[in-house]
Amino acid sequence: MHVGFFRPRLNPPLSAPRAAADPQSARLLGRDTALPAVAAERLTPQWLRQRFARPPAWQPELFEDTLRLNDQPLRGAAVLVGLVPRPQGLHVLLTRRTLDLHEHAGQISFPGGRRDRQDLHPAVTALREAREEIGLAPRGTEVLGTLPLYRTASRYAVSPVVALLAQTQGWRAQPGEVSEVFDVPLAFLMDPRHHEHREWVSPQPDPHTGLVLRRRFLLIPYTVGDRRYVIWGATAAMLRNLYRLLIA
């Protein structure tokens, strides 16, 4: 799906282009070393089915996007939080955007996009977009449920759709949109010791208000071999809410 140069990849909560260019240049505030990791027995398909079927009372975290956009009209969108079975355990499917895109070039995201008017459920949107972007076959995909809506700075209300994927290889990145398809161990992402809290501070005050702009966001760096991935913004925030659901 293309709409001019706009593609709702729904990643960073920052409006500042400088922060979007290099999120790791933002000041590190700390890591969540005091929070427990989700236990291994909770990261299995059967346990996840039970958790989504009968979720306990839990509180999602609120990030700056959500807090700043509570009273604004938003458009619907959905992303696929795809869980890939591997011999070592479940992994999370992610994509990297191509470098020549107009917005959020080179950033990491879930497959997903704008919800069409005829879509009866966010899963329809997420699976359609995943098929368009990476050739994900919807057959055999088991939708477990959705996470709370995430509001982005681009004024989208995003439904993260969590699903167990039957397809584990053979993805085809859509030229012009996706440069890479990869997966990260769910256990790594569900360990808050890897979650970094960062703050971007504008180098100059706002010309209209005279105030120094500050934006805080979550960042999860991941390295495998000689490849380094920086997961941040809305993608990291949705993973954080998955953590909150699983640890509850």
C-alpha atoms as a PDB file:
ATOM      1  CA  MET A   1       0.000   0.000   0.000  1.00  0.00           C
ATOM      2  CA  HIS A   2       1.448   3.352  -1.042  1.00  0.00           C
ATOM      3  CA  VAL A   3      -0.007   6.765  -0.312  1.00  0.00           C
ATOM      4  CA  GLY A   4       2.349   9.209  -1.967  1.00  0.00           C
ATOM      5  CA  PHE A   5       5.523   9.282   0.087  1.00  0.00           C
ATOM      6  CA  PHE A   6       3.650   8.399   3.265  1.00  0.00           C
ATOM      7  CA  ARG A   7       3.866   4.923   4.695  1.00  0.00           C
ATOM      8  CA  PRO A   8       2.581   4.541   8.252  1.00  0.00           C
ATOM      9  CA  ARG A   9       5.482   2.458   9.557  1.00  0.00           C
ATOM     10  CA  LEU A  10       4.647   3.762  12.961  1.00  0.00           C
ATOM     11  CA  ASN A  11       8.043   3.797  14.584  1.00  0.00           C
ATOM     12  CA  PRO A  12       9.469   6.770  16.467  1.00  0.00           C
ATOM     13  CA  PRO A  13       7.508   8.867  18.937  1.00  0.00           C
ATOM     14  CA  LEU A  14       9.880  11.741  18.290  1.00  0.00           C
ATOM     15  CA  SER A  15       8.948  14.568  16.014  1.00  0.00           C
ATOM     16  CA  ALA A  16      12.518  15.817  15.879  1.00  0.00           C
ATOM     17  CA  PRO A  17      14.352  14.713  12.734  1.00  0.00           C
ATOM     18  CA  ARG A  18      17.688  14.804  14.518  1.00  0.00           C
ATOM     19  CA  ALA A  19      16.518  12.197  17.017  1.00  0.00           C
ATOM     20  CA  ALA A  20      15.126  10.035  14.232  1.00  0.00           C
ATOM     21  CA  ALA A  21      18.487  10.112  12.447  1.00  0.00           C
ATOM     22  CA  ASP A  22      20.421   8.567  15.337  1.00  0.00           C
ATOM     23  CA  PRO A  23      18.426   7.516  18.397  1.00  0.00           C
ATOM     24  CA  GLN A  24      21.579   6.184  20.066  1.00  0.00           C
ATOM     25  CA  SER A  25      22.966   9.712  20.191  1.00  0.00           C
ATOM     26  CA  ALA A  26      20.244  10.577  22.700  1.00  0.00           C
ATOM     27  CA  ARG A  27      21.269  10.645  26.342  1.00  0.00           C
ATOM     28  CA  LEU A  28      21.032   7.307  28.139  1.00  0.00           C
ATOM     29  CA  LEU A  29      18.917   7.718  31.270  1.00  0.00           C
ATOM     30  CA  GLY A  30      19.186   4.126  32.450  1.00  0.00           C
ATOM     31  CA  ARG A  31      18.233   0.474  31.984  1.00  0.00           C
ATOM     32  CA  ASP A  32      15.604  -1.516  33.842  1.00  0.00           C
ATOM     33  CA  THR A  33      18.002  -3.803  35.700  1.00  0.00           C
ATOM     34  CA  ALA A  34      15.630  -4.115  38.677  1.00  0.00           C
ATOM     35  CA  LEU A  35      12.739  -5.584  36.674  1.00  0.00           C
ATOM     36  CA  PRO A  36      12.524  -9.386  36.206  1.00  0.00           C
ATOM     37  CA  ALA A  37      12.712 -11.067  32.837  1.00  0.00           C
ATOM     38  CA  VAL A  38       9.711 -13.084  31.686  1.00  0.00           C
ATOM     39  CA  ALA A  39      10.303 -16.700  32.713  1.00  0.00           C
ATOM     40  CA  ALA A  40      11.107 -19.183  29.944  1.00  0.00           C
ATOM     41  CA  GLU A  41       7.999 -21.259  30.649  1.00  0.00           C
ATOM     42  CA  ARG A  42       5.866 -18.210  29.805  1.00  0.00           C
ATOM     43  CA  LEU A  43       7.411 -17.879  26.357  1.00  0.00           C
ATOM     44  CA  THR A  44       5.912 -21.030  24.880  1.00  0.00           C
ATOM     45  CA  PRO A  45       2.984 -21.188  22.440  1.00  0.00           C
ATOM     46  CA  GLN A  46       0.722 -22.988  24.903  1.00  0.00           C
ATOM     47  CA  TRP A  47       1.337 -20.539  27.749  1.00  0.00           C
ATOM     48  CA  LEU A  48       0.843 -17.573  25.430  1.00  0.00           C
ATOM     49  CA  ARG A  49      -2.452 -19.009  24.178  1.00  0.00           C
ATOM     50  CA  GLN A  50      -3.694 -19.227  27.750  1.00  0.00           C
ATOM     51  CA  ARG A  51      -2.501 -15.734  28.650  1.00  0.00           C
ATOM     52  CA  PHE A  52      -4.248 -14.083  25.721  1.00  0.00           C
ATOM     53  CA  ALA A  53      -7.385 -16.187  26.228  1.00  0.00           C
ATOM     54  CA  ARG A  54      -7.601 -15.244  29.930  1.00  0.00           C
ATOM     55  CA  PRO A  55      -5.506 -12.137  30.529  1.00  0.00           C
ATOM     56  CA  PRO A  56      -5.100 -10.945  34.114  1.00  0.00           C
ATOM     57  CA  ALA A  57      -5.567  -7.372  35.216  1.00  0.00           C
ATOM     58  CA  TRP A  58      -2.544  -5.461  34.002  1.00  0.00           C
ATOM     59  CA  GLN A  59      -1.494  -1.916  33.255  1.00  0.00           C
ATOM     60  CA  PRO A  60       0.094  -0.949  29.942  1.00  0.00           C
ATOM     61  CA  GLU A  61       2.786   1.696  30.050  1.00  0.00           C
ATOM     62  CA  LEU A  62       1.967   5.130  28.687  1.00  0.00           C
ATOM     63  CA  PHE A  63       4.544   6.761  26.446  1.00  0.00           C
ATOM     64  CA  GLU A  64       4.775  10.324  25.212  1.00  0.00           C
ATOM     65  CA  ASP A  65       2.863   9.654  21.990  1.00  0.00           C
ATOM     66  CA  THR A  66      -0.174   8.439  23.903  1.00  0.00           C
ATOM     67  CA  LEU A  67      -0.040  11.179  26.507  1.00  0.00           C
ATOM     68  CA  ARG A  68       0.211  13.968  23.923  1.00  0.00           C
ATOM     69  CA  LEU A  69      -2.503  12.688  21.592  1.00  0.00           C
ATOM     70  CA  ASN A  70      -5.310  11.697  23.930  1.00  0.00           C
ATOM     71  CA  ASP A  71      -7.701  14.367  22.644  1.00  0.00           C
ATOM     72  CA  GLN A  72      -6.811  14.320  18.944  1.00  0.00           C
ATOM     73  CA  PRO A  73      -8.622  12.472  16.137  1.00  0.00           C
ATOM     74  CA  LEU A  74      -6.626   9.439  15.044  1.00  0.00           C
ATOM     75  CA  ARG A  75      -6.686   7.084  12.067  1.00  0.00           C
ATOM     76  CA  GLY A  76      -6.745   3.323  12.459  1.00  0.00           C
ATOM     77  CA  ALA A  77      -3.767   1.087  11.713  1.00  0.00           C
ATOM     78  CA  ALA A  78      -2.449  -2.316  12.720  1.00  0.00           C
ATOM     79  CA  VAL A  79       0.900  -4.081  12.921  1.00  0.00           C
ATOM     80  CA  LEU A  80       1.765  -7.763  13.136  1.00  0.00           C
ATOM     81  CA  VAL A  81       3.775  -8.885  16.159  1.00  0.00           C
ATOM     82  CA  GLY A  82       4.646 -12.211  14.569  1.00  0.00           C
ATOM     83  CA  LEU A  83       6.083 -14.986  16.745  1.00  0.00           C
ATOM     84  CA  VAL A  84       8.290 -17.396  14.796  1.00  0.00           C
ATOM     85  CA  PRO A  85       8.976 -20.902  16.182  1.00  0.00           C
ATOM     86  CA  ARG A  86      12.695 -21.690  16.244  1.00  0.00           C
ATOM     87  CA  PRO A  87      14.606 -24.628  17.813  1.00  0.00           C
ATOM     88  CA  GLN A  88      15.881 -22.191  20.480  1.00  0.00           C
ATOM     89  CA  GLY A  89      12.395 -20.836  21.212  1.00  0.00           C
ATOM     90  CA  LEU A  90      10.043 -18.219  19.825  1.00  0.00           C
ATOM     91  CA  HIS A  91      11.459 -15.240  17.917  1.00  0.00           C
ATOM     92  CA  VAL A  92       9.789 -11.951  16.953  1.00  0.00           C
ATOM     93  CA  LEU A  93       9.589 -11.055  13.265  1.00  0.00           C
ATOM     94  CA  LEU A  94      10.835  -7.562  12.374  1.00  0.00           C
ATOM     95  CA  THR A  95      11.720  -5.576   9.267  1.00  0.00           C
ATOM     96  CA  ARG A  96      14.130  -2.811   8.395  1.00  0.00           C
ATOM     97  CA  ARG A  97      12.905  -0.014   6.141  1.00  0.00           C
ATOM     98  CA  THR A  98      14.863   0.896   3.045  1.00  0.00           C
ATOM     99  CA  LEU A  99      17.248   3.823   3.255  1.00  0.00           C
ATOM    100  CA  ASP A 100      15.710   5.846   0.430  1.00  0.00           C
ATOM    101  CA  LEU A 101      12.247   6.268   1.951  1.00  0.00           C
ATOM    102  CA  HIS A 102      10.959   9.755   2.654  1.00  0.00           C
ATOM    103  CA  GLU A 103      10.100   9.008   6.295  1.00  0.00           C
ATOM    104  CA  HIS A 104      11.860   6.892   8.946  1.00  0.00           C
ATOM    105  CA  ALA A 105      14.383   5.462   6.472  1.00  0.00           C
ATOM    106  CA  GLY A 106      16.394   2.506   7.730  1.00  0.00           C
ATOM    107  CA  GLN A 107      14.367   2.077  10.898  1.00  0.00           C
ATOM    108  CA  ILE A 108      13.124  -1.191  12.372  1.00  0.00           C
ATOM    109  CA  SER A 109       9.423  -1.928  12.585  1.00  0.00           C
ATOM    110  CA  PHE A 110       6.714  -4.544  12.577  1.00  0.00           C
ATOM    111  CA  PRO A 111       4.959  -5.256   9.286  1.00  0.00           C
ATOM    112  CA  GLY A 112       1.768  -3.235   9.170  1.00  0.00           C
ATOM    113  CA  GLY A 113      -0.023  -0.175   7.934  1.00  0.00           C
ATOM    114  CA  ARG A 114      -3.264   1.723   7.571  1.00  0.00           C
ATOM    115  CA  ARG A 115      -6.570   0.022   8.280  1.00  0.00           C
ATOM    116  CA  ASP A 116      -8.959  -0.117   5.314  1.00  0.00           C
ATOM    117  CA  ARG A 117     -12.585   0.775   5.848  1.00  0.00           C
ATOM    118  CA  GLN A 118     -13.747  -2.762   5.056  1.00  0.00           C
ATOM    119  CA  ASP A 119     -11.376  -4.459   7.517  1.00  0.00           C
ATOM    120  CA  LEU A 120     -13.515  -6.137  10.170  1.00  0.00           C
ATOM    121  CA  HIS A 121     -10.631  -6.764  12.563  1.00  0.00           C
ATOM    122  CA  PRO A 122      -7.096  -5.381  13.035  1.00  0.00           C
ATOM    123  CA  ALA A 123      -5.749  -8.863  12.222  1.00  0.00           C
ATOM    124  CA  VAL A 124      -7.092  -8.470   8.677  1.00  0.00           C
ATOM    125  CA  THR A 125      -5.079  -5.282   8.286  1.00  0.00           C
ATOM    126  CA  ALA A 126      -1.914  -6.675   9.846  1.00  0.00           C
ATOM    127  CA  LEU A 127      -1.911  -9.890   7.813  1.00  0.00           C
ATOM    128  CA  ARG A 128      -2.678  -8.103   4.545  1.00  0.00           C
ATOM    129  CA  GLU A 129       0.136  -5.638   5.074  1.00  0.00           C
ATOM    130  CA  ALA A 130       2.561  -8.405   6.082  1.00  0.00           C
ATOM    131  CA  ARG A 131       1.749 -10.264   2.898  1.00  0.00           C
ATOM    132  CA  GLU A 132       2.347  -7.141   0.802  1.00  0.00           C
ATOM    133  CA  GLU A 133       5.573  -6.171   2.539  1.00  0.00           C
ATOM    134  CA  ILE A 134       7.358  -9.474   3.086  1.00  0.00           C
ATOM    135  CA  GLY A 135       5.293 -12.164   1.355  1.00  0.00           C
ATOM    136  CA  LEU A 136       4.027 -13.672   4.606  1.00  0.00           C
ATOM    137  CA  ALA A 137       1.470 -16.381   3.871  1.00  0.00           C
ATOM    138  CA  PRO A 138      -1.539 -15.954   6.192  1.00  0.00           C
ATOM    139  CA  ARG A 139      -2.422 -19.672   6.031  1.00  0.00           C
ATOM    140  CA  GLY A 140      -1.658 -21.368   9.331  1.00  0.00           C
ATOM    141  CA  THR A 141      -1.172 -18.109  11.216  1.00  0.00           C
ATOM    142  CA  GLU A 142      -2.751 -18.290  14.674  1.00  0.00           C
ATOM    143  CA  VAL A 143      -3.870 -14.924  16.000  1.00  0.00           C
ATOM    144  CA  LEU A 144      -3.531 -14.878  19.783  1.00  0.00           C
ATOM    145  CA  GLY A 145      -4.957 -11.431  20.433  1.00  0.00           C
ATOM    146  CA  THR A 146      -4.178  -7.737  20.427  1.00  0.00           C
ATOM    147  CA  LEU A 147      -2.308  -5.376  22.700  1.00  0.00           C
ATOM    148  CA  PRO A 148      -3.719  -1.979  23.757  1.00  0.00           C
ATOM    149  CA  LEU A 149      -3.892   0.717  21.095  1.00  0.00           C
ATOM    150  CA  TYR A 150      -0.701   2.658  20.651  1.00  0.00           C
ATOM    151  CA  ARG A 151      -1.003   6.281  19.545  1.00  0.00           C
ATOM    152  CA  THR A 152       1.785   7.581  17.339  1.00  0.00           C
ATOM    153  CA  ALA A 153       3.058  11.085  16.674  1.00  0.00           C
ATOM    154  CA  SER A 154       1.797  10.692  13.094  1.00  0.00           C
ATOM    155  CA  ARG A 155      -1.726  10.491  14.589  1.00  0.00           C
ATOM    156  CA  TYR A 156      -2.429   6.811  14.132  1.00  0.00           C
ATOM    157  CA  ALA A 157      -4.120   4.534  16.648  1.00  0.00           C
ATOM    158  CA  VAL A 158      -2.204   1.303  16.119  1.00  0.00           C
ATOM    159  CA  SER A 159      -3.491  -2.135  17.102  1.00  0.00           C
ATOM    160  CA  PRO A 160      -0.580  -4.548  17.696  1.00  0.00           C
ATOM    161  CA  VAL A 161      -1.799  -8.012  16.611  1.00  0.00           C
ATOM    162  CA  VAL A 162       0.136 -10.853  18.255  1.00  0.00           C
ATOM    163  CA  ALA A 163       0.182 -14.083  16.258  1.00  0.00           C
ATOM    164  CA  LEU A 164       2.004 -17.408  16.026  1.00  0.00           C
ATOM    165  CA  LEU A 165       3.350 -17.821  12.503  1.00  0.00           C
ATOM    166  CA  ALA A 166       3.392 -21.046  10.529  1.00  0.00           C
ATOM    167  CA  GLN A 167       5.782 -19.657   7.918  1.00  0.00           C
ATOM    168  CA  THR A 168       9.340 -19.599   9.266  1.00  0.00           C
ATOM    169  CA  GLN A 169      11.347 -18.782   6.139  1.00  0.00           C
ATOM    170  CA  GLY A 170      10.991 -17.693   2.528  1.00  0.00           C
ATOM    171  CA  TRP A 171      10.025 -14.107   3.282  1.00  0.00           C
ATOM    172  CA  ARG A 172      10.489 -11.712   0.381  1.00  0.00           C
ATOM    173  CA  ALA A 173      11.171  -8.076   1.194  1.00  0.00           C
ATOM    174  CA  GLN A 174       9.088  -5.737  -0.946  1.00  0.00           C
ATOM    175  CA  PRO A 175      11.557  -3.633  -2.979  1.00  0.00           C
ATOM    176  CA  GLY A 176      11.294   0.041  -2.224  1.00  0.00           C
ATOM    177  CA  GLU A 177       9.859  -0.509   1.258  1.00  0.00           C
ATOM    178  CA  VAL A 178      11.696  -3.221   3.163  1.00  0.00           C
ATOM    179  CA  SER A 179      15.436  -3.841   2.946  1.00  0.00           C
ATOM    180  CA  GLU A 180      15.677  -6.705   5.441  1.00  0.00           C
ATOM    181  CA  VAL A 181      13.502  -9.237   7.246  1.00  0.00           C
ATOM    182  CA  PHE A 182      14.915 -10.751  10.422  1.00  0.00           C
ATOM    183  CA  ASP A 183      13.854 -12.106  13.797  1.00  0.00           C
ATOM    184  CA  VAL A 184      14.989 -11.548  17.378  1.00  0.00           C
ATOM    185  CA  PRO A 185      14.631 -14.019  20.282  1.00  0.00           C
ATOM    186  CA  LEU A 186      11.489 -13.272  22.259  1.00  0.00           C
ATOM    187  CA  ALA A 187      13.396 -14.056  25.482  1.00  0.00           C
ATOM    188  CA  PHE A 188      15.882 -11.271  24.702  1.00  0.00           C
ATOM    189  CA  LEU A 189      13.131  -8.730  24.073  1.00  0.00           C
ATOM    190  CA  MET A 190      11.237  -9.772  27.207  1.00  0.00           C
ATOM    191  CA  ASP A 191      14.241  -9.045  29.449  1.00  0.00           C
ATOM    192  CA  PRO A 192      14.083  -5.406  30.669  1.00  0.00           C
ATOM    193  CA  ARG A 193      17.835  -5.361  31.254  1.00  0.00           C
ATOM    194  CA  HIS A 194      18.025  -4.774  27.498  1.00  0.00           C
ATOM    195  CA  HIS A 195      15.544  -1.865  27.587  1.00  0.00           C
ATOM    196  CA  GLU A 196      17.225   1.533  27.524  1.00  0.00           C
ATOM    197  CA  HIS A 197      15.483   4.766  28.458  1.00  0.00           C
ATOM    198  CA  ARG A 198      16.798   7.628  26.317  1.00  0.00           C
ATOM    199  CA  GLU A 199      16.152  11.358  26.186  1.00  0.00           C
ATOM    200  CA  TRP A 200      16.649  13.648  23.227  1.00  0.00           C
ATOM    201  CA  VAL A 201      17.147  17.330  24.038  1.00  0.00           C
ATOM    202  CA  SER A 202      16.861  19.936  21.283  1.00  0.00           C
ATOM    203  CA  PRO A 203      20.102  21.836  20.710  1.00  0.00           C
ATOM    204  CA  GLN A 204      18.202  25.116  20.576  1.00  0.00           C
ATOM    205  CA  PRO A 205      15.042  26.402  22.313  1.00  0.00           C
ATOM    206  CA  ASP A 206      11.758  26.341  20.456  1.00  0.00           C
ATOM    207  CA  PRO A 207      11.569  29.634  18.492  1.00  0.00           C
ATOM    208  CA  HIS A 208       7.895  30.132  19.428  1.00  0.00           C
ATOM    209  CA  THR A 209       7.934  29.253  23.120  1.00  0.00           C
ATOM    210  CA  GLY A 210      11.573  29.655  24.079  1.00  0.00           C
ATOM    211  CA  LEU A 211      11.436  26.264  25.797  1.00  0.00           C
ATOM    212  CA  VAL A 212      14.000  23.508  25.382  1.00  0.00           C
ATOM    213  CA  LEU A 213      12.282  20.506  23.811  1.00  0.00           C
ATOM    214  CA  ARG A 214      12.770  17.114  25.439  1.00  0.00           C
ATOM    215  CA  ARG A 215      11.564  13.731  24.218  1.00  0.00           C
ATOM    216  CA  ARG A 216      11.960  10.450  26.079  1.00  0.00           C
ATOM    217  CA  PHE A 217      11.720   7.070  24.383  1.00  0.00           C
ATOM    218  CA  LEU A 218      12.605   3.414  24.768  1.00  0.00           C
ATOM    219  CA  LEU A 219      15.438   1.743  22.836  1.00  0.00           C
ATOM    220  CA  ILE A 220      16.397  -1.948  22.606  1.00  0.00           C
ATOM    221  CA  PRO A 221      19.756  -2.629  20.926  1.00  0.00           C
ATOM    222  CA  TYR A 222      20.345  -6.157  19.600  1.00  0.00           C
ATOM    223  CA  THR A 223      23.530  -7.589  18.094  1.00  0.00           C
ATOM    224  CA  VAL A 224      23.915 -10.927  16.333  1.00  0.00           C
ATOM    225  CA  GLY A 225      27.207 -11.716  14.619  1.00  0.00           C
ATOM    226  CA  ASP A 226      28.320  -8.555  12.844  1.00  0.00           C
ATOM    227  CA  ARG A 227      24.763  -7.203  12.585  1.00  0.00           C
ATOM    228  CA  ARG A 228      23.496  -4.563  14.997  1.00  0.00           C
ATOM    229  CA  TYR A 229      19.843  -3.615  15.206  1.00  0.00           C
ATOM    230  CA  VAL A 230      18.395  -0.654  17.097  1.00  0.00           C
ATOM    231  CA  ILE A 231      14.730  -1.164  17.989  1.00  0.00           C
ATOM    232  CA  TRP A 232      13.173   2.015  19.346  1.00  0.00           C
ATOM    233  CA  GLY A 233      10.183   4.312  19.433  1.00  0.00           C
ATOM    234  CA  ALA A 234       6.754   2.802  18.881  1.00  0.00           C
ATOM    235  CA  THR A 235       8.148  -0.651  18.040  1.00  0.00           C
ATOM    236  CA  ALA A 236      10.038  -0.804  21.336  1.00  0.00           C
ATOM    237  CA  ALA A 237       7.049   0.629  23.226  1.00  0.00           C
ATOM    238  CA  MET A 238       4.708  -2.072  21.890  1.00  0.00           C
ATOM    239  CA  LEU A 239       7.234  -4.757  22.839  1.00  0.00           C
ATOM    240  CA  ARG A 240       7.350  -3.216  26.292  1.00  0.00           C
ATOM    241  CA  ASN A 241       3.589  -3.560  26.636  1.00  0.00           C
ATOM    242  CA  LEU A 242       3.854  -7.183  25.536  1.00  0.00           C
ATOM    243  CA  TYR A 243       6.342  -7.590  28.371  1.00  0.00           C
ATOM    244  CA  ARG A 244       3.889  -6.016  30.828  1.00  0.00           C
ATOM    245  CA  LEU A 245       1.153  -8.430  29.778  1.00  0.00           C
ATOM    246  CA  LEU A 246       3.372 -11.504  30.046  1.00  0.00           C
ATOM    247  CA  ILE A 247       4.924 -10.581  33.390  1.00  0.00           C
ATOM    248  CA  ALA A 248       1.577  -9.727  35.054  1.00  0.00           C
END
